[in-house]
Protein backbone atom coordinates (compact mmCIF):
# COMPACT_ATOMS: atom_id res chain seq x y z
CA MET A 1 -3.13 190.34 -52.71
CA THR A 2 -3.37 194.06 -52.12
CA PHE A 3 -0.86 196.66 -51.00
CA LYS A 4 -1.33 199.73 -48.85
CA VAL A 5 -0.63 203.20 -50.18
CA PRO A 6 -0.72 206.64 -48.54
CA PHE A 7 -3.81 208.78 -48.85
CA ARG A 8 -3.98 211.02 -51.91
CA SER A 9 -6.57 213.73 -52.32
CA ASP A 10 -8.52 214.13 -55.54
CA ALA A 11 -6.57 217.36 -56.12
CA GLN A 12 -3.26 215.49 -55.87
CA ILE A 13 -4.40 212.87 -58.37
CA GLU A 14 -5.68 215.61 -60.69
CA SER A 15 -2.30 217.32 -60.46
CA ALA A 16 -0.51 214.10 -61.42
CA VAL A 17 -2.81 213.65 -64.42
CA GLN A 18 -2.34 217.25 -65.57
CA GLU A 19 1.43 216.92 -65.36
CA LEU A 20 1.31 213.81 -67.54
CA LEU A 21 -0.90 215.57 -70.09
CA ARG A 22 1.51 218.52 -70.10
CA GLN A 23 4.41 216.16 -70.82
CA TYR A 24 2.52 214.66 -73.74
CA ALA A 25 1.56 218.11 -75.06
CA LYS A 26 5.18 219.22 -74.88
CA ALA A 27 6.33 216.15 -76.80
CA LYS A 28 3.66 216.51 -79.48
CA GLY A 29 3.49 220.29 -79.68
CA GLU A 30 -0.21 220.47 -78.86
CA PRO A 31 -2.48 219.41 -76.00
CA PRO A 32 -4.30 216.10 -76.40
CA ARG A 33 -8.03 216.17 -77.11
CA PRO A 34 -10.57 213.38 -76.77
CA PRO A 35 -10.28 210.60 -77.49
CA ILE A 36 -7.23 210.90 -75.23
CA PRO A 37 -4.50 208.64 -76.73
CA VAL A 38 -3.73 206.74 -73.56
CA ASP A 39 -1.69 204.10 -75.40
CA ALA A 40 0.54 206.74 -77.01
CA ILE A 41 0.95 208.49 -73.67
CA ALA A 42 1.98 205.23 -72.00
CA GLU A 43 4.48 204.36 -74.71
CA SER A 44 5.91 207.70 -75.86
CA VAL A 45 5.90 209.65 -72.61
CA LEU A 46 6.38 206.96 -69.99
CA GLY A 47 8.36 204.46 -72.04
CA LEU A 48 6.09 201.57 -71.14
CA THR A 49 5.78 198.44 -73.25
CA LEU A 50 2.17 197.44 -73.85
CA GLU A 51 0.99 193.90 -74.49
CA MET A 52 -2.20 191.89 -74.46
CA GLY A 53 -2.22 188.36 -73.14
CA ASP A 54 -4.13 185.69 -71.26
CA LEU A 55 -3.35 186.98 -67.79
CA ARG A 56 -6.06 184.87 -66.23
CA LYS A 57 -4.31 181.72 -67.38
CA LYS A 58 -0.77 182.97 -66.71
CA LEU A 59 -1.52 184.22 -63.19
CA GLY A 60 -4.19 181.69 -62.29
CA LYS A 61 -6.69 184.39 -61.37
CA PRO A 62 -10.13 184.29 -63.02
CA ASP A 63 -10.89 187.99 -62.72
CA VAL A 64 -7.60 189.76 -63.52
CA LEU A 65 -7.91 192.68 -65.96
CA GLY A 66 -4.41 194.13 -66.13
CA ALA A 67 -0.96 193.88 -64.62
CA THR A 68 2.15 196.03 -64.49
CA TRP A 69 5.62 194.58 -63.97
CA LEU A 70 7.57 197.44 -62.42
CA ASP A 71 11.14 196.37 -63.16
CA ASP A 72 10.32 195.65 -66.80
CA ALA A 73 8.17 198.76 -67.43
CA LEU A 74 5.64 196.32 -68.89
CA VAL A 75 1.86 196.63 -68.88
CA VAL A 76 -0.22 193.65 -69.93
CA ILE A 77 -3.97 193.91 -70.48
CA ASP A 78 -5.99 190.71 -70.36
CA SER A 79 -7.08 189.46 -73.77
CA SER A 80 -10.70 189.30 -72.58
CA LEU A 81 -10.82 193.08 -73.13
CA GLU A 82 -9.74 192.86 -76.77
CA GLY A 83 -12.32 194.58 -78.96
CA ASN A 84 -13.87 196.42 -76.01
CA GLU A 85 -12.19 199.80 -76.48
CA GLY A 86 -13.86 201.49 -73.52
CA ARG A 87 -12.83 198.87 -70.98
CA TYR A 88 -9.41 198.40 -72.58
CA CYS A 89 -8.57 202.11 -72.45
CA PHE A 90 -9.88 202.54 -68.91
CA THR A 91 -7.88 199.52 -67.73
CA LEU A 92 -4.77 200.88 -69.44
CA GLY A 93 -5.39 204.29 -67.86
CA HIS A 94 -5.76 202.51 -64.54
CA GLU A 95 -2.37 200.79 -64.98
CA VAL A 96 -0.79 204.11 -65.96
CA GLY A 97 -2.24 205.49 -62.73
CA HIS A 98 -0.46 202.80 -60.75
CA TRP A 99 2.77 203.55 -62.61
CA GLN A 100 2.59 207.27 -61.90
CA LEU A 101 1.15 207.21 -58.39
CA HIS A 102 2.49 204.04 -56.83
CA ARG A 103 5.70 202.99 -58.55
CA PRO A 104 7.61 205.91 -56.90
CA LEU A 105 6.61 204.55 -53.50
CA ARG A 106 8.60 201.40 -54.20
CA GLU A 107 11.62 203.43 -55.23
CA MET A 108 11.41 205.25 -51.89
CA ASP A 109 11.03 201.93 -50.04
CA LYS A 110 7.63 202.98 -48.72
CA VAL A 111 5.67 200.09 -50.21
CA THR A 112 6.52 196.44 -50.82
CA PHE A 113 4.71 195.03 -53.82
CA PRO A 114 3.74 191.37 -54.28
CA LEU A 115 5.78 189.20 -56.66
CA PHE A 116 4.37 187.62 -59.80
CA SER A 117 5.92 185.72 -62.70
CA ARG A 118 5.37 187.09 -66.21
CA GLU A 119 5.38 183.54 -67.56
CA PRO A 120 5.06 180.13 -65.89
CA GLY A 121 8.47 179.17 -64.58
CA ALA A 122 9.91 182.67 -64.87
CA LYS A 123 11.37 184.51 -61.91
CA ALA A 124 8.74 186.36 -59.89
CA THR A 125 9.28 190.12 -59.72
CA ALA A 126 7.42 193.09 -58.26
CA ALA A 127 4.11 193.62 -60.01
CA ILE A 128 0.74 195.27 -59.60
CA VAL A 129 -2.06 192.90 -60.56
CA CYS A 130 -5.53 194.39 -60.89
CA ARG A 131 -8.65 192.28 -60.49
CA ASP A 132 -12.22 193.12 -61.34
CA GLY A 133 -14.07 194.42 -58.29
CA GLN A 134 -11.03 195.30 -56.15
CA ARG A 135 -11.80 198.39 -54.08
CA ASP A 136 -8.77 198.98 -51.86
CA SER A 137 -7.25 202.46 -51.71
CA ALA A 138 -4.63 201.81 -54.41
CA GLU A 139 -7.29 200.62 -56.85
CA ILE A 140 -9.59 203.54 -56.09
CA GLN A 141 -6.74 205.99 -56.72
CA ALA A 142 -5.87 204.29 -60.02
CA ASP A 143 -9.54 204.36 -61.09
CA LYS A 144 -9.72 208.08 -60.38
CA PHE A 145 -6.51 208.65 -62.33
CA ALA A 146 -7.93 206.80 -65.34
CA ALA A 147 -11.18 208.76 -65.26
CA LEU A 148 -9.38 212.11 -65.02
CA LEU A 149 -6.97 211.13 -67.80
CA LEU A 150 -9.56 209.90 -70.30
CA MET A 151 -12.23 212.47 -69.43
CA PRO A 152 -10.59 215.80 -68.56
CA ALA A 153 -13.02 218.07 -66.73
CA SER A 154 -12.72 220.93 -69.20
CA ASP A 155 -13.50 218.68 -72.15
CA VAL A 156 -16.46 217.04 -70.43
CA ARG A 157 -17.93 220.41 -69.45
CA ALA A 158 -17.46 221.69 -73.00
CA ALA A 159 -19.33 218.66 -74.36
CA VAL A 160 -22.17 219.16 -71.89
CA LYS A 161 -22.52 222.75 -73.07
CA LEU A 162 -22.85 221.47 -76.64
CA VAL A 163 -25.48 218.94 -75.62
CA SER A 164 -27.69 220.92 -73.27
CA GLY A 165 -25.93 224.05 -72.05
CA GLU A 166 -26.44 222.97 -68.44
CA PRO A 167 -26.27 219.95 -66.12
CA LEU A 168 -28.91 217.27 -66.53
CA ALA A 169 -31.64 217.46 -63.90
CA ILE A 170 -33.28 214.10 -63.21
CA ASP A 171 -36.39 213.83 -61.08
CA ASN A 172 -35.84 211.76 -57.93
CA PHE A 173 -32.31 210.96 -59.11
CA VAL A 174 -30.85 210.24 -55.67
CA ALA A 175 -33.71 208.00 -54.60
CA ARG A 176 -33.78 206.13 -57.90
CA LYS A 177 -30.04 205.56 -57.75
CA LYS A 178 -30.23 204.27 -54.17
CA ALA A 179 -32.92 201.86 -55.31
CA GLY A 180 -30.51 200.45 -57.86
CA GLU A 181 -32.46 201.66 -60.88
CA ARG A 182 -30.67 201.91 -64.21
CA ILE A 183 -31.52 205.47 -65.13
CA ALA A 184 -32.21 205.74 -68.85
CA GLU A 185 -32.03 209.55 -68.87
CA LEU A 186 -28.48 209.47 -67.54
CA ARG A 187 -27.42 206.73 -69.95
CA ASP A 188 -28.79 208.69 -72.92
CA PHE A 189 -27.19 211.92 -71.70
CA ALA A 190 -23.82 210.19 -71.30
CA ALA A 191 -24.12 208.83 -74.85
CA GLU A 192 -24.72 212.34 -76.20
CA VAL A 193 -21.77 213.76 -74.28
CA ILE A 194 -19.54 210.97 -75.60
CA ALA A 195 -20.66 211.69 -79.17
CA LYS A 196 -20.41 215.48 -78.99
CA GLY A 197 -17.13 215.47 -77.10
CA GLY A 198 -15.36 212.82 -79.14
CA PHE A 199 -14.89 210.44 -76.19
CA THR A 200 -14.91 207.43 -78.47
CA ASN A 201 -12.63 205.37 -76.22
CA VAL A 202 -14.78 205.80 -73.10
CA SER A 203 -17.62 203.54 -72.01
CA ASN A 204 -21.07 204.88 -71.27
CA GLN A 205 -20.83 203.72 -67.67
CA ALA A 206 -17.51 205.49 -67.15
CA MET A 207 -18.98 208.71 -68.54
CA GLN A 208 -22.01 208.43 -66.27
CA ILE A 209 -19.75 208.20 -63.23
CA ARG A 210 -17.64 211.12 -64.46
CA LEU A 211 -20.70 213.31 -65.03
CA GLU A 212 -21.86 212.64 -61.50
CA ALA A 213 -18.43 213.38 -60.06
CA LEU A 214 -18.38 216.73 -61.88
CA LYS A 215 -21.93 217.49 -60.67
CA LEU A 216 -23.12 217.68 -64.26
CA VAL A 217 -26.12 215.55 -63.35
CA VAL A 218 -28.26 216.65 -60.42
CA ASP A 219 -31.45 215.68 -58.66
CA GLY A 220 -34.34 217.64 -60.14
CA ALA A 221 -35.22 218.94 -56.69
CA GLN A 222 -31.83 220.66 -56.39
CA GLY A 223 -32.39 222.94 -59.35
CA ARG A 224 -29.96 223.56 -62.17
CA LEU A 225 -26.67 225.24 -61.46
CA PHE A 226 -23.78 225.31 -63.95
């Protein structure tokens, strides 16, 4: 079950992320640097309780990755992600995105969230349950929030400068991507950026998407502009 949320521009989501990072920096006395401590941000800044558990069994949904119970300030990440730091941290960042972007809508009575029980037999309360492959507007916004939180633009650009000094130009990039090709050059470039920038809690795929969004990978025919 999905819920509808108002449109938010990328700039609005970026602003929300930057405010959260400022709050963490104020609490710690210095700005966070990759790997961004998303778990510490969730717990120390937002006061969320973090748990791992078998959500798929508890909720009866085979593809659930994370869930946030709003009244309990509780985030649960499915145990299938244990040991997969990249997916775990992105899913947690995604849930933090829901908390920051969408929880206030409930408080203003603008959105009604579905009800889920934390445990079998427990009272169902308002919750956001995230399933693999969901692409409604709320999920897209939370994905963007997670990417911006874990991979701040300034840090990604700084890492690219260390790796190559300029965006990666890939011959026939657009056509190859449309054809569904897994582009080895981009994968290798993302791996170098992760290593040089200290993004140890980010998956290669997430970094590839972030590099594209920041126009740090371009089609060879477009030339190289930094």
